[in-house]
């Protein structure tokens, strides 16, 4: 099965604290919920201290992924799309909260 990454609809629910957002991926006939954007002590490839994790369950004192992407390149591209969607949602939240124009928001988020 081949998935066109550009057709995946990413839905972001912003949160406060270490977990920045809960993410749902809509593949059309299937929706996967429970992906998370979290703070990280390490920088990702984009230089942000954010980390994307798939949905997990806890068993035997460990967390186990519910969803696994065997194609590492696909997972990396999907993480980039998730982070882009998170950044856009966070930017919109700040624009609304502080009444910023697009230009002011662009300057703030550089």
PDB file of N, CA and C in Angstrom:
ATOM      1  N   UNK A   1       0.845  -1.175   0.000  1.00  0.00           N
ATOM      2  CA  UNK A   1       0.000   0.000   0.000  1.00  0.00           C
ATOM      3  C   UNK A   1       0.894   1.243   0.000  1.00  0.00           C
ATOM      4  N   UNK A   2       0.670   2.113  -0.929  1.00  0.00           N
ATOM      5  CA  UNK A   2       1.422   3.346  -1.016  1.00  0.00           C
ATOM      6  C   UNK A   2       0.539   4.505  -0.565  1.00  0.00           C
ATOM      7  N   UNK A   3       1.082   5.330   0.295  1.00  0.00           N
ATOM      8  CA  UNK A   3       0.349   6.464   0.837  1.00  0.00           C
ATOM      9  C   UNK A   3       0.966   7.745   0.295  1.00  0.00           C
ATOM     10  N   UNK A   4       0.133   8.602  -0.271  1.00  0.00           N
ATOM     11  CA  UNK A   4       0.590   9.910  -0.726  1.00  0.00           C
ATOM     12  C   UNK A   4       0.616  10.833   0.488  1.00  0.00           C
ATOM     13  N   UNK A   5       1.800  11.178   0.934  1.00  0.00           N
ATOM     14  CA  UNK A   5       1.963  11.957   2.168  1.00  0.00           C
ATOM     15  C   UNK A   5       1.286  13.322   2.087  1.00  0.00           C
ATOM     16  N   UNK A   6       1.159  13.850   0.886  1.00  0.00           N
ATOM     17  CA  UNK A   6       0.534  15.163   0.722  1.00  0.00           C
ATOM     18  C   UNK A   6      -0.983  15.111   0.901  1.00  0.00           C
ATOM     19  N   UNK A   7      -1.575  13.937   0.814  1.00  0.00           N
ATOM     20  CA  UNK A   7      -3.029  13.799   0.975  1.00  0.00           C
ATOM     21  C   UNK A   7      -3.449  13.552   2.425  1.00  0.00           C
ATOM     22  N   UNK A   8      -2.498  13.348   3.303  1.00  0.00           N
ATOM     23  CA  UNK A   8      -2.807  13.138   4.716  1.00  0.00           C
ATOM     24  C   UNK A   8      -3.223  14.474   5.323  1.00  0.00           C
ATOM     25  N   UNK A   9      -4.395  14.501   5.956  1.00  0.00           N
ATOM     26  CA  UNK A   9      -4.877  15.703   6.633  1.00  0.00           C
ATOM     27  C   UNK A   9      -4.411  15.631   8.080  1.00  0.00           C
ATOM     28  N   UNK A  10      -3.710  16.675   8.516  1.00  0.00           N
ATOM     29  CA  UNK A  10      -3.156  16.703   9.868  1.00  0.00           C
ATOM     30  C   UNK A  10      -4.001  17.655  10.709  1.00  0.00           C
ATOM     31  N   UNK A  11      -4.543  17.119  11.809  1.00  0.00           N
ATOM     32  CA  UNK A  11      -5.371  17.913  12.716  1.00  0.00           C
ATOM     33  C   UNK A  11      -4.612  18.088  14.025  1.00  0.00           C
ATOM     34  N   UNK A  12      -4.475  19.336  14.447  1.00  0.00           N
ATOM     35  CA  UNK A  12      -3.680  19.684  15.620  1.00  0.00           C
ATOM     36  C   UNK A  12      -4.588  20.199  16.733  1.00  0.00           C
ATOM     37  N   UNK A  13      -4.413  19.649  17.950  1.00  0.00           N
ATOM     38  CA  UNK A  13      -5.076  20.183  19.139  1.00  0.00           C
ATOM     39  C   UNK A  13      -3.959  20.660  20.061  1.00  0.00           C
ATOM     40  N   UNK A  14      -3.828  21.986  20.192  1.00  0.00           N
ATOM     41  CA  UNK A  14      -2.768  22.558  21.007  1.00  0.00           C
ATOM     42  C   UNK A  14      -3.053  22.330  22.488  1.00  0.00           C
ATOM     43  N   UNK A  15      -1.983  22.074  23.249  1.00  0.00           N
ATOM     44  CA  UNK A  15      -2.082  21.884  24.684  1.00  0.00           C
ATOM     45  C   UNK A  15      -1.008  22.739  25.356  1.00  0.00           C
ATOM     46  N   UNK A  16      -1.009  22.767  26.665  1.00  0.00           N
ATOM     47  CA  UNK A  16      -0.004  23.515  27.422  1.00  0.00           C
ATOM     48  C   UNK A  16       0.882  22.533  28.168  1.00  0.00           C
ATOM     49  N   UNK A  17       2.085  22.957  28.502  1.00  0.00           N
ATOM     50  CA  UNK A  17       3.015  22.108  29.235  1.00  0.00           C
ATOM     51  C   UNK A  17       4.040  21.477  28.312  1.00  0.00           C
ATOM     52  N   UNK A  18       4.640  20.373  28.791  1.00  0.00           N
ATOM     53  CA  UNK A  18       5.664  19.688  27.986  1.00  0.00           C
ATOM     54  C   UNK A  18       5.100  19.111  26.701  1.00  0.00           C
ATOM     55  N   UNK A  19       3.859  18.617  26.784  1.00  0.00           N
ATOM     56  CA  UNK A  19       3.203  18.132  25.576  1.00  0.00           C
ATOM     57  C   UNK A  19       2.557  19.345  24.911  1.00  0.00           C
ATOM     58  N   UNK A  20       3.034  19.680  23.729  1.00  0.00           N
ATOM     59  CA  UNK A  20       2.599  20.889  23.040  1.00  0.00           C
ATOM     60  C   UNK A  20       1.329  20.691  22.225  1.00  0.00           C
ATOM     61  N   UNK A  21       1.131  19.467  21.698  1.00  0.00           N
ATOM     62  CA  UNK A  21      -0.040  19.229  20.855  1.00  0.00           C
ATOM     63  C   UNK A  21      -0.340  17.735  20.774  1.00  0.00           C
ATOM     64  N   UNK A  22      -1.624  17.453  20.567  1.00  0.00           N
ATOM     65  CA  UNK A  22      -2.075  16.103  20.238  1.00  0.00           C
ATOM     66  C   UNK A  22      -2.480  16.158  18.772  1.00  0.00           C
ATOM     67  N   UNK A  23      -2.050  15.155  18.018  1.00  0.00           N
ATOM     68  CA  UNK A  23      -2.191  15.191  16.568  1.00  0.00           C
ATOM     69  C   UNK A  23      -2.997  13.985  16.091  1.00  0.00           C
ATOM     70  N   UNK A  24      -3.887  14.232  15.122  1.00  0.00           N
ATOM     71  CA  UNK A  24      -4.619  13.166  14.438  1.00  0.00           C
ATOM     72  C   UNK A  24      -4.246  13.220  12.963  1.00  0.00           C
ATOM     73  N   UNK A  25      -4.020  12.059  12.373  1.00  0.00           N
ATOM     74  CA  UNK A  25      -3.704  11.954  10.951  1.00  0.00           C
ATOM     75  C   UNK A  25      -4.886  11.309  10.248  1.00  0.00           C
ATOM     76  N   UNK A  26      -5.460  12.022   9.294  1.00  0.00           N
ATOM     77  CA  UNK A  26      -6.621  11.546   8.552  1.00  0.00           C
ATOM     78  C   UNK A  26      -6.155  11.064   7.182  1.00  0.00           C
ATOM     79  N   UNK A  27      -6.213   9.748   6.974  1.00  0.00           N
ATOM     80  CA  UNK A  27      -5.794   9.133   5.725  1.00  0.00           C
ATOM     81  C   UNK A  27      -6.969   8.951   4.761  1.00  0.00           C
ATOM     82  N   UNK A  28      -8.131   9.464   5.113  1.00  0.00           N
ATOM     83  CA  UNK A  28      -9.324   9.287   4.289  1.00  0.00           C
ATOM     84  C   UNK A  28     -10.267   8.312   4.956  1.00  0.00           C
ATOM     85  N   UNK A  29     -10.036   7.019   4.755  1.00  0.00           N
ATOM     86  CA  UNK A  29     -10.888   6.000   5.370  1.00  0.00           C
ATOM     87  C   UNK A  29     -10.434   5.632   6.778  1.00  0.00           C
ATOM     88  N   UNK A  30      -9.228   6.051   7.159  1.00  0.00           N
ATOM     89  CA  UNK A  30      -8.668   5.722   8.464  1.00  0.00           C
ATOM     90  C   UNK A  30      -8.128   6.997   9.111  1.00  0.00           C
ATOM     91  N   UNK A  31      -8.450   7.180  10.400  1.00  0.00           N
ATOM     92  CA  UNK A  31      -7.907   8.299  11.167  1.00  0.00           C
ATOM     93  C   UNK A  31      -7.105   7.718  12.324  1.00  0.00           C
ATOM     94  N   UNK A  32      -5.852   8.134  12.436  1.00  0.00           N
ATOM     95  CA  UNK A  32      -4.992   7.712  13.539  1.00  0.00           C
ATOM     96  C   UNK A  32      -4.845   8.883  14.497  1.00  0.00           C
ATOM     97  N   UNK A  33      -5.242   8.668  15.749  1.00  0.00           N
ATOM     98  CA  UNK A  33      -5.155   9.717  16.768  1.00  0.00           C
ATOM     99  C   UNK A  33      -4.112   9.330  17.804  1.00  0.00           C
ATOM    100  N   UNK A  34      -3.594  10.328  18.482  1.00  0.00           N
ATOM    101  CA  UNK A  34      -2.690  10.059  19.595  1.00  0.00           C
ATOM    102  C   UNK A  34      -1.234  10.374  19.317  1.00  0.00           C
ATOM    103  N   UNK A  35      -0.904  10.901  18.147  1.00  0.00           N
ATOM    104  CA  UNK A  35       0.460  11.371  17.928  1.00  0.00           C
ATOM    105  C   UNK A  35       0.643  12.604  18.802  1.00  0.00           C
ATOM    106  N   UNK A  36       1.870  12.847  19.262  1.00  0.00           N
ATOM    107  CA  UNK A  36       2.118  13.960  20.158  1.00  0.00           C
ATOM    108  C   UNK A  36       3.323  14.781  19.686  1.00  0.00           C
ATOM    109  N   UNK A  37       3.237  16.078  19.908  1.00  0.00           N
ATOM    110  CA  UNK A  37       4.387  16.971  19.758  1.00  0.00           C
ATOM    111  C   UNK A  37       4.760  17.369  21.173  1.00  0.00           C
ATOM    112  N   UNK A  38       6.018  17.104  21.550  1.00  0.00           N
ATOM    113  CA  UNK A  38       6.463  17.338  22.916  1.00  0.00           C
ATOM    114  C   UNK A  38       7.766  18.127  22.923  1.00  0.00           C
ATOM    115  N   UNK A  39       8.022  18.775  24.084  1.00  0.00           N
ATOM    116  CA  UNK A  39       9.321  19.402  24.293  1.00  0.00           C
ATOM    117  C   UNK A  39      10.386  18.317  24.346  1.00  0.00           C
ATOM    118  N   UNK A  40      11.583  18.675  23.917  1.00  0.00           N
ATOM    119  CA  UNK A  40      12.720  17.762  23.978  1.00  0.00           C
ATOM    120  C   UNK A  40      13.930  18.532  24.492  1.00  0.00           C
ATOM    121  N   UNK A  41      14.829  17.843  25.146  1.00  0.00           N
ATOM    122  CA  UNK A  41      16.058  18.512  25.571  1.00  0.00           C
ATOM    123  C   UNK A  41      17.071  18.569  24.434  1.00  0.00           C
ATOM    124  N   UNK A  42      16.796  17.837  23.354  1.00  0.00           N
ATOM    125  CA  UNK A  42      17.686  17.805  22.199  1.00  0.00           C
ATOM    126  C   UNK A  42      17.029  18.491  21.011  1.00  0.00           C
ATOM    127  N   UNK A  43      17.844  19.052  20.154  1.00  0.00           N
ATOM    128  CA  UNK A  43      17.326  19.680  18.943  1.00  0.00           C
ATOM    129  C   UNK A  43      17.038  18.634  17.883  1.00  0.00           C
ATOM    130  N   UNK A  44      15.960  18.837  17.134  1.00  0.00           N
ATOM    131  CA  UNK A  44      15.680  17.958  16.005  1.00  0.00           C
ATOM    132  C   UNK A  44      16.481  18.450  14.795  1.00  0.00           C
ATOM    133  N   UNK A  45      16.278  17.862  13.652  1.00  0.00           N
ATOM    134  CA  UNK A  45      17.038  18.222  12.454  1.00  0.00           C
ATOM    135  C   UNK A  45      16.796  19.663  12.013  1.00  0.00           C
ATOM    136  N   UNK A  46      15.679  20.232  12.451  1.00  0.00           N
ATOM    137  CA  UNK A  46      15.342  21.611  12.086  1.00  0.00           C
ATOM    138  C   UNK A  46      15.865  22.618  13.102  1.00  0.00           C
ATOM    139  N   UNK A  47      16.514  22.136  14.164  1.00  0.00           N
ATOM    140  CA  UNK A  47      17.048  23.027  15.189  1.00  0.00           C
ATOM    141  C   UNK A  47      16.045  23.395  16.268  1.00  0.00           C
ATOM    142  N   UNK A  48      14.885  22.734  16.286  1.00  0.00           N
ATOM    143  CA  UNK A  48      13.860  22.990  17.290  1.00  0.00           C
ATOM    144  C   UNK A  48      13.973  21.943  18.394  1.00  0.00           C
ATOM    145  N   UNK A  49      13.638  22.333  19.581  1.00  0.00           N
ATOM    146  CA  UNK A  49      13.642  21.379  20.687  1.00  0.00           C
ATOM    147  C   UNK A  49      12.250  20.781  20.834  1.00  0.00           C
ATOM    148  N   UNK A  50      11.812  20.114  19.757  1.00  0.00           N
ATOM    149  CA  UNK A  50      10.514  19.452  19.704  1.00  0.00           C
ATOM    150  C   UNK A  50      10.704  18.027  19.217  1.00  0.00           C
ATOM    151  N   UNK A  51       9.789  17.156  19.633  1.00  0.00           N
ATOM    152  CA  UNK A  51       9.872  15.738  19.338  1.00  0.00           C
ATOM    153  C   UNK A  51       8.477  15.254  18.977  1.00  0.00           C
ATOM    154  N   UNK A  52       8.357  14.485  17.914  1.00  0.00           N
ATOM    155  CA  UNK A  52       7.078  13.907  17.496  1.00  0.00           C
ATOM    156  C   UNK A  52       7.092  12.428  17.867  1.00  0.00           C
ATOM    157  N   UNK A  53       6.044  11.994  18.572  1.00  0.00           N
ATOM    158  CA  UNK A  53       5.953  10.579  18.943  1.00  0.00           C
ATOM    159  C   UNK A  53       4.630   9.996  18.456  1.00  0.00           C
ATOM    160  N   UNK A  54       4.658   8.738  18.030  1.00  0.00           N
ATOM    161  CA  UNK A  54       3.419   8.078  17.620  1.00  0.00           C
ATOM    162  C   UNK A  54       2.615   7.656  18.849  1.00  0.00           C
ATOM    163  N   UNK A  55       1.366   7.234  18.657  1.00  0.00           N
ATOM    164  CA  UNK A  55       0.571   6.735  19.783  1.00  0.00           C
ATOM    165  C   UNK A  55       1.250   5.508  20.407  1.00  0.00           C
ATOM    166  N   UNK A  56       1.149   5.406  21.727  1.00  0.00           N
ATOM    167  CA  UNK A  56       1.772   4.293  22.438  1.00  0.00           C
ATOM    168  C   UNK A  56       0.820   3.726  23.490  1.00  0.00           C
ATOM    169  N   UNK A  57       1.175   2.544  23.982  1.00  0.00           N
ATOM    170  CA  UNK A  57       0.502   1.980  25.151  1.00  0.00           C
ATOM    171  C   UNK A  57       1.591   1.539  26.115  1.00  0.00           C
ATOM    172  N   UNK A  58       1.245   1.480  27.406  1.00  0.00           N
ATOM    173  CA  UNK A  58       2.221   1.099  28.412  1.00  0.00           C
ATOM    174  C   UNK A  58       1.991  -0.346  28.820  1.00  0.00           C
ATOM    175  N   UNK A  59       3.071  -1.101  28.828  1.00  0.00           N
ATOM    176  CA  UNK A  59       3.000  -2.497  29.242  1.00  0.00           C
ATOM    177  C   UNK A  59       4.343  -2.950  29.767  1.00  0.00           C
ATOM    178  N   UNK A  60       4.350  -3.542  30.934  1.00  0.00           N
ATOM    179  CA  UNK A  60       5.597  -4.020  31.504  1.00  0.00           C
ATOM    180  C   UNK A  60       6.558  -2.891  31.859  1.00  0.00           C
ATOM    181  N   UNK A  61       6.022  -1.720  32.201  1.00  0.00           N
ATOM    182  CA  UNK A  61       6.863  -0.597  32.582  1.00  0.00           C
ATOM    183  C   UNK A  61       7.475   0.152  31.404  1.00  0.00           C
ATOM    184  N   UNK A  62       7.157  -0.258  30.184  1.00  0.00           N
ATOM    185  CA  UNK A  62       7.689   0.398  28.991  1.00  0.00           C
ATOM    186  C   UNK A  62       6.539   0.907  28.129  1.00  0.00           C
ATOM    187  N   UNK A  63       6.860   1.852  27.273  1.00  0.00           N
ATOM    188  CA  UNK A  63       5.899   2.338  26.298  1.00  0.00           C
ATOM    189  C   UNK A  63       6.179   1.666  24.955  1.00  0.00           C
ATOM    190  N   UNK A  64       5.130   1.176  24.327  1.00  0.00           N
ATOM    191  CA  UNK A  64       5.251   0.470  23.054  1.00  0.00           C
ATOM    192  C   UNK A  64       4.440   1.214  21.995  1.00  0.00           C
ATOM    193  N   UNK A  65       5.020   1.445  20.819  1.00  0.00           N
ATOM    194  CA  UNK A  65       4.274   2.153  19.779  1.00  0.00           C
ATOM    195  C   UNK A  65       3.101   1.326  19.267  1.00  0.00           C
ATOM    196  N   UNK A  66       1.999   1.993  19.005  1.00  0.00           N
ATOM    197  CA  UNK A  66       0.832   1.344  18.422  1.00  0.00           C
ATOM    198  C   UNK A  66       0.947   1.359  16.903  1.00  0.00           C
ATOM    199  N   UNK A  67       1.550   2.440  16.398  1.00  0.00           N
ATOM    200  CA  UNK A  67       1.727   2.617  14.960  1.00  0.00           C
ATOM    201  C   UNK A  67       3.225   2.614  14.666  1.00  0.00           C
ATOM    202  N   UNK A  68       3.610   1.878  13.647  1.00  0.00           N
ATOM    203  CA  UNK A  68       5.019   1.805  13.267  1.00  0.00           C
ATOM    204  C   UNK A  68       5.144   2.042  11.773  1.00  0.00           C
ATOM    205  N   UNK A  69       6.077   2.888  11.383  1.00  0.00           N
ATOM    206  CA  UNK A  69       6.343   3.167   9.980  1.00  0.00           C
ATOM    207  C   UNK A  69       7.679   2.532   9.603  1.00  0.00           C
ATOM    208  N   UNK A  70       7.664   1.405   8.891  1.00  0.00           N
ATOM    209  CA  UNK A  70       8.923   0.737   8.555  1.00  0.00           C
ATOM    210  C   UNK A  70       9.800   1.551   7.604  1.00  0.00           C
ATOM    211  N   UNK A  71       9.188   2.412   6.791  1.00  0.00           N
ATOM    212  CA  UNK A  71       9.945   3.265   5.878  1.00  0.00           C
ATOM    213  C   UNK A  71      10.400   4.501   6.663  1.00  0.00           C
ATOM    214  N   UNK A  72      11.657   4.527   7.071  1.00  0.00           N
ATOM    215  CA  UNK A  72      12.186   5.612   7.904  1.00  0.00           C
ATOM    216  C   UNK A  72      12.112   6.963   7.202  1.00  0.00           C
ATOM    217  N   UNK A  73      12.291   6.986   5.880  1.00  0.00           N
ATOM    218  CA  UNK A  73      12.197   8.227   5.122  1.00  0.00           C
ATOM    219  C   UNK A  73      10.772   8.775   5.172  1.00  0.00           C
ATOM    220  N   UNK A  74       9.776   7.890   5.045  1.00  0.00           N
ATOM    221  CA  UNK A  74       8.376   8.312   5.130  1.00  0.00           C
ATOM    222  C   UNK A  74       8.094   8.911   6.498  1.00  0.00           C
ATOM    223  N   UNK A  75       8.543   8.246   7.564  1.00  0.00           N
ATOM    224  CA  UNK A  75       8.320   8.733   8.924  1.00  0.00           C
ATOM    225  C   UNK A  75       8.980  10.092   9.122  1.00  0.00           C
ATOM    226  N   UNK A  76      10.174  10.292   8.586  1.00  0.00           N
ATOM    227  CA  UNK A  76      10.871  11.565   8.709  1.00  0.00           C
ATOM    228  C   UNK A  76      10.099  12.675   7.986  1.00  0.00           C
ATOM    229  N   UNK A  77       9.608  12.394   6.785  1.00  0.00           N
ATOM    230  CA  UNK A  77       8.827  13.384   6.036  1.00  0.00           C
ATOM    231  C   UNK A  77       7.508  13.680   6.742  1.00  0.00           C
ATOM    232  N   UNK A  78       6.900  12.651   7.330  1.00  0.00           N
ATOM    233  CA  UNK A  78       5.648  12.838   8.063  1.00  0.00           C
ATOM    234  C   UNK A  78       5.881  13.699   9.309  1.00  0.00           C
ATOM    235  N   UNK A  79       6.974  13.482  10.014  1.00  0.00           N
ATOM    236  CA  UNK A  79       7.306  14.307  11.173  1.00  0.00           C
ATOM    237  C   UNK A  79       7.456  15.775  10.779  1.00  0.00           C
ATOM    238  N   UNK A  80       8.086  16.023   9.636  1.00  0.00           N
ATOM    239  CA  UNK A  80       8.248  17.392   9.158  1.00  0.00           C
ATOM    240  C   UNK A  80       6.890  18.025   8.892  1.00  0.00           C
ATOM    241  N   UNK A  81       5.989  17.271   8.257  1.00  0.00           N
ATOM    242  CA  UNK A  81       4.639  17.793   7.991  1.00  0.00           C
ATOM    243  C   UNK A  81       3.899  18.067   9.298  1.00  0.00           C
ATOM    244  N   UNK A  82       4.051  17.179  10.288  1.00  0.00           N
ATOM    245  CA  UNK A  82       3.393  17.371  11.587  1.00  0.00           C
ATOM    246  C   UNK A  82       3.943  18.622  12.273  1.00  0.00           C
ATOM    247  N   UNK A  83       5.256  18.792  12.272  1.00  0.00           N
ATOM    248  CA  UNK A  83       5.860  19.974  12.894  1.00  0.00           C
ATOM    249  C   UNK A  83       5.450  21.255  12.176  1.00  0.00           C
ATOM    250  N   UNK A  84       5.364  21.210  10.846  1.00  0.00           N
ATOM    251  CA  UNK A  84       4.894  22.377  10.092  1.00  0.00           C
ATOM    252  C   UNK A  84       3.461  22.735  10.488  1.00  0.00           C
ATOM    253  N   UNK A  85       2.601  21.726  10.606  1.00  0.00           N
ATOM    254  CA  UNK A  85       1.203  21.959  10.997  1.00  0.00           C
ATOM    255  C   UNK A  85       1.132  22.494  12.425  1.00  0.00           C
ATOM    256  N   UNK A  86       1.976  21.961  13.317  1.00  0.00           N
ATOM    257  CA  UNK A  86       2.017  22.449  14.697  1.00  0.00           C
ATOM    258  C   UNK A  86       2.437  23.915  14.730  1.00  0.00           C
ATOM    259  N   UNK A  87       3.504  24.254  13.990  1.00  0.00           N
ATOM    260  CA  UNK A  87       3.996  25.635  13.977  1.00  0.00           C
ATOM    261  C   UNK A  87       2.916  26.586  13.458  1.00  0.00           C
ATOM    262  N   UNK A  88       2.194  26.181  12.416  1.00  0.00           N
ATOM    263  CA  UNK A  88       1.125  27.021  11.865  1.00  0.00           C
ATOM    264  C   UNK A  88       0.006  27.216  12.881  1.00  0.00           C
ATOM    265  N   UNK A  89      -0.380  26.151  13.580  1.00  0.00           N
ATOM    266  CA  UNK A  89      -1.447  26.249  14.585  1.00  0.00           C
ATOM    267  C   UNK A  89      -1.004  27.123  15.757  1.00  0.00           C
ATOM    268  N   UNK A  90       0.241  26.978  16.180  1.00  0.00           N
ATOM    269  CA  UNK A  90       0.773  27.775  17.282  1.00  0.00           C
ATOM    270  C   UNK A  90       0.854  29.247  16.883  1.00  0.00           C
ATOM    271  N   UNK A  91       1.261  29.506  15.655  1.00  0.00           N
ATOM    272  CA  UNK A  91       1.333  30.874  15.137  1.00  0.00           C
ATOM    273  C   UNK A  91      -0.064  31.503  15.124  1.00  0.00           C
ATOM    274  N   UNK A  92      -1.051  30.750  14.651  1.00  0.00           N
ATOM    275  CA  UNK A  92      -2.424  31.261  14.620  1.00  0.00           C
ATOM    276  C   UNK A  92      -2.956  31.536  16.026  1.00  0.00           C
ATOM    277  N   UNK A  93      -2.618  30.661  16.966  1.00  0.00           N
ATOM    278  CA  UNK A  93      -3.070  30.870  18.353  1.00  0.00           C
ATOM    279  C   UNK A  93      -2.499  32.173  18.910  1.00  0.00           C
ATOM    280  N   UNK A  94      -1.202  32.415  18.647  1.00  0.00           N
ATOM    281  CA  UNK A  94      -0.584  33.647  19.136  1.00  0.00           C
ATOM    282  C   UNK A  94      -1.130  34.882  18.414  1.00  0.00           C
ATOM    283  N   UNK A  95      -1.399  34.745  17.118  1.00  0.00           N
ATOM    284  CA  UNK A  95      -1.975  35.870  16.378  1.00  0.00           C
ATOM    285  C   UNK A  95      -3.311  36.280  16.988  1.00  0.00           C
ATOM    286  N   UNK A  96      -4.153  35.302  17.284  1.00  0.00           N
ATOM    287  CA  UNK A  96      -5.473  35.593  17.855  1.00  0.00           C
ATOM    288  C   UNK A  96      -5.367  36.124  19.284  1.00  0.00           C
ATOM    289  N   UNK A  97      -4.491  35.503  20.086  1.00  0.00           N
ATOM    290  CA  UNK A  97      -4.386  35.881  21.492  1.00  0.00           C
ATOM    291  C   UNK A  97      -3.858  37.301  21.678  1.00  0.00           C
ATOM    292  N   UNK A  98      -2.917  37.705  20.822  1.00  0.00           N
ATOM    293  CA  UNK A  98      -2.286  39.008  20.980  1.00  0.00           C
ATOM    294  C   UNK A  98      -2.722  40.018  19.921  1.00  0.00           C
ATOM    295  N   UNK A  99      -3.650  39.640  19.059  1.00  0.00           N
ATOM    296  CA  UNK A  99      -4.139  40.544  18.038  1.00  0.00           C
ATOM    297  C   UNK A  99      -3.056  40.990  17.064  1.00  0.00           C
ATOM    298  N   UNK A 100      -2.187  40.066  16.670  1.00  0.00           N
ATOM    299  CA  UNK A 100      -1.073  40.393  15.784  1.00  0.00           C
ATOM    300  C   UNK A 100      -1.503  40.355  14.321  1.00  0.00           C
ATOM    301  N   UNK A 101      -0.912  41.215  13.526  1.00  0.00           N
ATOM    302  CA  UNK A 101      -1.100  41.151  12.076  1.00  0.00           C
ATOM    303  C   UNK A 101      -0.175  40.058  11.535  1.00  0.00           C
ATOM    304  N   UNK A 102      -0.323  39.720  10.272  1.00  0.00           N
ATOM    305  CA  UNK A 102       0.542  38.720   9.657  1.00  0.00           C
ATOM    306  C   UNK A 102       2.008  39.140   9.723  1.00  0.00           C
ATOM    307  N   UNK A 103       2.279  40.419   9.464  1.00  0.00           N
ATOM    308  CA  UNK A 103       3.663  40.926   9.489  1.00  0.00           C
ATOM    309  C   UNK A 103       4.248  40.842  10.896  1.00  0.00           C
ATOM    310  N   UNK A 104       3.449  41.220  11.897  1.00  0.00           N
ATOM    311  CA  UNK A 104       3.929  41.160  13.280  1.00  0.00           C
ATOM    312  C   UNK A 104       4.174  39.719  13.705  1.00  0.00           C
ATOM    313  N   UNK A 105       3.294  38.812  13.290  1.00  0.00           N
ATOM    314  CA  UNK A 105       3.461  37.398  13.623  1.00  0.00           C
ATOM    315  C   UNK A 105       4.700  36.835  12.933  1.00  0.00           C
ATOM    316  N   UNK A 106       4.940  37.244  11.684  1.00  0.00           N
ATOM    317  CA  UNK A 106       6.138  36.784  10.970  1.00  0.00           C
ATOM    318  C   UNK A 106       7.402  37.230  11.714  1.00  0.00           C
ATOM    319  N   UNK A 107       7.420  38.481  12.181  1.00  0.00           N
ATOM    320  CA  UNK A 107       8.582  38.994  12.915  1.00  0.00           C
ATOM    321  C   UNK A 107       8.751  38.260  14.237  1.00  0.00           C
ATOM    322  N   UNK A 108       7.652  37.969  14.918  1.00  0.00           N
ATOM    323  CA  UNK A 108       7.702  37.301  16.221  1.00  0.00           C
ATOM    324  C   UNK A 108       8.204  35.864  16.098  1.00  0.00           C
ATOM    325  N   UNK A 109       7.812  35.173  15.035  1.00  0.00           N
ATOM    326  CA  UNK A 109       8.134  33.749  14.896  1.00  0.00           C
ATOM    327  C   UNK A 109       9.389  33.480  14.080  1.00  0.00           C
ATOM    328  N   UNK A 110      10.212  34.491  13.849  1.00  0.00           N
ATOM    329  CA  UNK A 110      11.485  34.256  13.135  1.00  0.00           C
ATOM    330  C   UNK A 110      12.512  33.711  14.061  1.00  0.00           C
TER     331      UNK A 110
END
